[in-house]
C-alpha atoms as a PDB file:
ATOM      1  CA  UNK A   1      -5.082  74.788-145.273  1.00  0.00           C
ATOM      2  CA  UNK A   2      -7.691  72.243-144.153  1.00  0.00           C
ATOM      3  CA  UNK A   3      -5.010  70.209-142.408  1.00  0.00           C
ATOM      4  CA  UNK A   4      -3.845  73.324-140.521  1.00  0.00           C
ATOM      5  CA  UNK A   5      -7.416  74.154-139.413  1.00  0.00           C
ATOM      6  CA  UNK A   6      -7.936  70.568-138.216  1.00  0.00           C
ATOM      7  CA  UNK A   7      -4.716  70.700-136.187  1.00  0.00           C
ATOM      8  CA  UNK A   8      -5.676  74.095-134.703  1.00  0.00           C
ATOM      9  CA  UNK A   9      -9.166  72.844-133.784  1.00  0.00           C
ATOM     10  CA  UNK A  10      -7.784  69.668-132.201  1.00  0.00           C
ATOM     11  CA  UNK A  11      -5.213  71.664-130.206  1.00  0.00           C
ATOM     12  CA  UNK A  12      -7.902  74.068-128.948  1.00  0.00           C
ATOM     13  CA  UNK A  13     -10.153  71.155-127.967  1.00  0.00           C
ATOM     14  CA  UNK A  14      -7.403  69.351-126.068  1.00  0.00           C
ATOM     15  CA  UNK A  15      -6.198  72.464-124.238  1.00  0.00           C
ATOM     16  CA  UNK A  16      -9.779  73.225-123.161  1.00  0.00           C
ATOM     17  CA  UNK A  17     -10.107  69.795-121.543  1.00  0.00           C
ATOM     18  CA  UNK A  18      -6.839  70.095-119.633  1.00  0.00           C
ATOM     19  CA  UNK A  19      -8.519  72.555-117.277  1.00  0.00           C
ATOM     20  CA  UNK A  20     -11.529  70.368-116.521  1.00  0.00           C
ATOM     21  CA  UNK A  21     -12.248  69.856-112.831  1.00  0.00           C
ATOM     22  CA  UNK A  22     -11.688  66.504-111.243  1.00  0.00           C
ATOM     23  CA  UNK A  23     -14.490  64.981-109.199  1.00  0.00           C
ATOM     24  CA  UNK A  24     -12.613  65.718-105.971  1.00  0.00           C
ATOM     25  CA  UNK A  25     -12.075  69.387-106.890  1.00  0.00           C
ATOM     26  CA  UNK A  26     -15.749  69.776-107.764  1.00  0.00           C
ATOM     27  CA  UNK A  27     -16.820  68.246-104.428  1.00  0.00           C
ATOM     28  CA  UNK A  28     -14.500  70.475-102.423  1.00  0.00           C
ATOM     29  CA  UNK A  29     -16.176  73.577-103.843  1.00  0.00           C
ATOM     30  CA  UNK A  30     -19.521  72.752-102.230  1.00  0.00           C
ATOM     31  CA  UNK A  31     -20.098  72.954 -98.518  1.00  0.00           C
ATOM     32  CA  UNK A  32     -22.049  69.701 -98.394  1.00  0.00           C
ATOM     33  CA  UNK A  33     -21.678  67.932-101.733  1.00  0.00           C
ATOM     34  CA  UNK A  34     -24.402  65.512-102.786  1.00  0.00           C
ATOM     35  CA  UNK A  35     -23.669  61.965-101.686  1.00  0.00           C
ATOM     36  CA  UNK A  36     -21.294  62.809 -98.845  1.00  0.00           C
ATOM     37  CA  UNK A  37     -21.255  60.328 -95.980  1.00  0.00           C
ATOM     38  CA  UNK A  38     -20.717  60.630 -92.271  1.00  0.00           C
ATOM     39  CA  UNK A  39     -17.078  59.956 -91.287  1.00  0.00           C
ATOM     40  CA  UNK A  40     -18.303  57.089 -89.068  1.00  0.00           C
ATOM     41  CA  UNK A  41     -19.563  55.165 -92.083  1.00  0.00           C
ATOM     42  CA  UNK A  42     -17.890  53.778 -95.140  1.00  0.00           C
ATOM     43  CA  UNK A  43     -17.103  55.704 -98.296  1.00  0.00           C
ATOM     44  CA  UNK A  44     -20.385  54.676 -99.898  1.00  0.00           C
ATOM     45  CA  UNK A  45     -22.573  55.768 -96.997  1.00  0.00           C
ATOM     46  CA  UNK A  46     -23.181  52.367 -95.487  1.00  0.00           C
ATOM     47  CA  UNK A  47     -23.013  52.030 -91.722  1.00  0.00           C
ATOM     48  CA  UNK A  48     -22.692  48.567 -90.226  1.00  0.00           C
ATOM     49  CA  UNK A  49     -24.717  49.797 -87.264  1.00  0.00           C
ATOM     50  CA  UNK A  50     -26.730  52.904 -86.584  1.00  0.00           C
ATOM     51  CA  UNK A  51     -24.613  55.654 -85.045  1.00  0.00           C
ATOM     52  CA  UNK A  52     -25.597  56.809 -81.572  1.00  0.00           C
ATOM     53  CA  UNK A  53     -26.630  60.432 -81.174  1.00  0.00           C
ATOM     54  CA  UNK A  54     -23.430  61.527 -79.409  1.00  0.00           C
ATOM     55  CA  UNK A  55     -21.207  59.757 -81.968  1.00  0.00           C
ATOM     56  CA  UNK A  56     -23.093  61.294 -84.869  1.00  0.00           C
ATOM     57  CA  UNK A  57     -22.850  64.807 -83.410  1.00  0.00           C
ATOM     58  CA  UNK A  58     -19.092  64.438 -82.882  1.00  0.00           C
ATOM     59  CA  UNK A  59     -18.665  63.100 -86.429  1.00  0.00           C
ATOM     60  CA  UNK A  60     -20.590  66.060 -87.907  1.00  0.00           C
ATOM     61  CA  UNK A  61     -18.550  68.520 -85.858  1.00  0.00           C
ATOM     62  CA  UNK A  62     -15.297  66.875 -86.960  1.00  0.00           C
ATOM     63  CA  UNK A  63     -16.308  66.785 -90.643  1.00  0.00           C
ATOM     64  CA  UNK A  64     -17.157  70.482 -90.783  1.00  0.00           C
ATOM     65  CA  UNK A  65     -14.310  71.561 -88.477  1.00  0.00           C
ATOM     66  CA  UNK A  66     -11.883  70.199 -91.095  1.00  0.00           C
ATOM     67  CA  UNK A  67     -13.549  72.618 -93.540  1.00  0.00           C
ATOM     68  CA  UNK A  68     -13.199  75.528 -91.097  1.00  0.00           C
ATOM     69  CA  UNK A  69     -16.872  75.566 -90.076  1.00  0.00           C
ATOM     70  CA  UNK A  70     -18.915  75.050 -86.930  1.00  0.00           C
ATOM     71  CA  UNK A  71     -22.072  73.012 -86.398  1.00  0.00           C
ATOM     72  CA  UNK A  72     -25.113  73.759 -84.241  1.00  0.00           C
ATOM     73  CA  UNK A  73     -27.594  70.902 -83.765  1.00  0.00           C
ATOM     74  CA  UNK A  74     -31.141  72.203 -84.175  1.00  0.00           C
ATOM     75  CA  UNK A  75     -33.302  69.086 -84.045  1.00  0.00           C
ATOM     76  CA  UNK A  76     -33.228  65.348 -83.462  1.00  0.00           C
ATOM     77  CA  UNK A  77     -36.130  63.324 -84.724  1.00  0.00           C
ATOM     78  CA  UNK A  78     -35.922  59.540 -84.787  1.00  0.00           C
ATOM     79  CA  UNK A  79     -32.797  58.528 -86.654  1.00  0.00           C
ATOM     80  CA  UNK A  80     -32.308  62.011 -88.168  1.00  0.00           C
ATOM     81  CA  UNK A  81     -30.256  64.924 -86.864  1.00  0.00           C
ATOM     82  CA  UNK A  82     -30.740  68.394 -88.320  1.00  0.00           C
ATOM     83  CA  UNK A  83     -27.933  70.909 -87.976  1.00  0.00           C
ATOM     84  CA  UNK A  84     -26.978  74.407 -89.073  1.00  0.00           C
ATOM     85  CA  UNK A  85     -23.469  74.855 -90.459  1.00  0.00           C
ATOM     86  CA  UNK A  86     -21.797  78.221 -89.909  1.00  0.00           C
ATOM     87  CA  UNK A  87     -18.762  79.778 -91.515  1.00  0.00           C
ATOM     88  CA  UNK A  88     -17.516  82.943 -89.828  1.00  0.00           C
ATOM     89  CA  UNK A  89     -20.819  83.392 -87.942  1.00  0.00           C
ATOM     90  CA  UNK A  90     -22.829  83.242 -91.197  1.00  0.00           C
ATOM     91  CA  UNK A  91     -25.234  80.391 -91.927  1.00  0.00           C
ATOM     92  CA  UNK A  92     -23.564  78.463 -94.737  1.00  0.00           C
ATOM     93  CA  UNK A  93     -25.725  75.337 -94.908  1.00  0.00           C
ATOM     94  CA  UNK A  94     -28.461  73.379 -93.165  1.00  0.00           C
ATOM     95  CA  UNK A  95     -28.008  69.621 -93.204  1.00  0.00           C
ATOM     96  CA  UNK A  96     -29.725  66.421 -92.144  1.00  0.00           C
ATOM     97  CA  UNK A  97     -27.721  63.385 -91.074  1.00  0.00           C
ATOM     98  CA  UNK A  98     -29.390  60.004 -91.348  1.00  0.00           C
ATOM     99  CA  UNK A  99     -27.768  58.052 -88.505  1.00  0.00           C
ATOM    100  CA  UNK A 100     -28.803  54.718 -90.023  1.00  0.00           C
ATOM    101  CA  UNK A 101     -27.306  55.176 -93.511  1.00  0.00           C
ATOM    102  CA  UNK A 102     -24.668  57.796 -92.684  1.00  0.00           C
ATOM    103  CA  UNK A 103     -25.770  60.134 -95.482  1.00  0.00           C
ATOM    104  CA  UNK A 104     -25.496  63.879 -94.980  1.00  0.00           C
ATOM    105  CA  UNK A 105     -27.916  65.924 -97.092  1.00  0.00           C
ATOM    106  CA  UNK A 106     -28.076  69.665 -97.537  1.00  0.00           C
ATOM    107  CA  UNK A 107     -31.588  71.067 -97.031  1.00  0.00           C
ATOM    108  CA  UNK A 108     -30.695  74.745 -97.301  1.00  0.00           C
END
């Protein structure tokens, strides 16, 4: 009886973990996941040189266009660009891009 309960518990535990989300699936659920980098920079958010304003705007537009969203730039201050992200005419997120590091942060 104890052996049967142990096998049943182990089976339930293992089947529960088979549906766990991968890191990629979890990131795709969010509009702007924490730690996402500008497409101009490397995977770890390191830019070899600071992106110019026009390059950074195009990169933001491309990144969100691939997700089916549009970007409206609201402010540029120093090395930072603030933008509103819209999905179907609804504000979905507000982000800041650091042109020096390439990091995109949600501030919404």
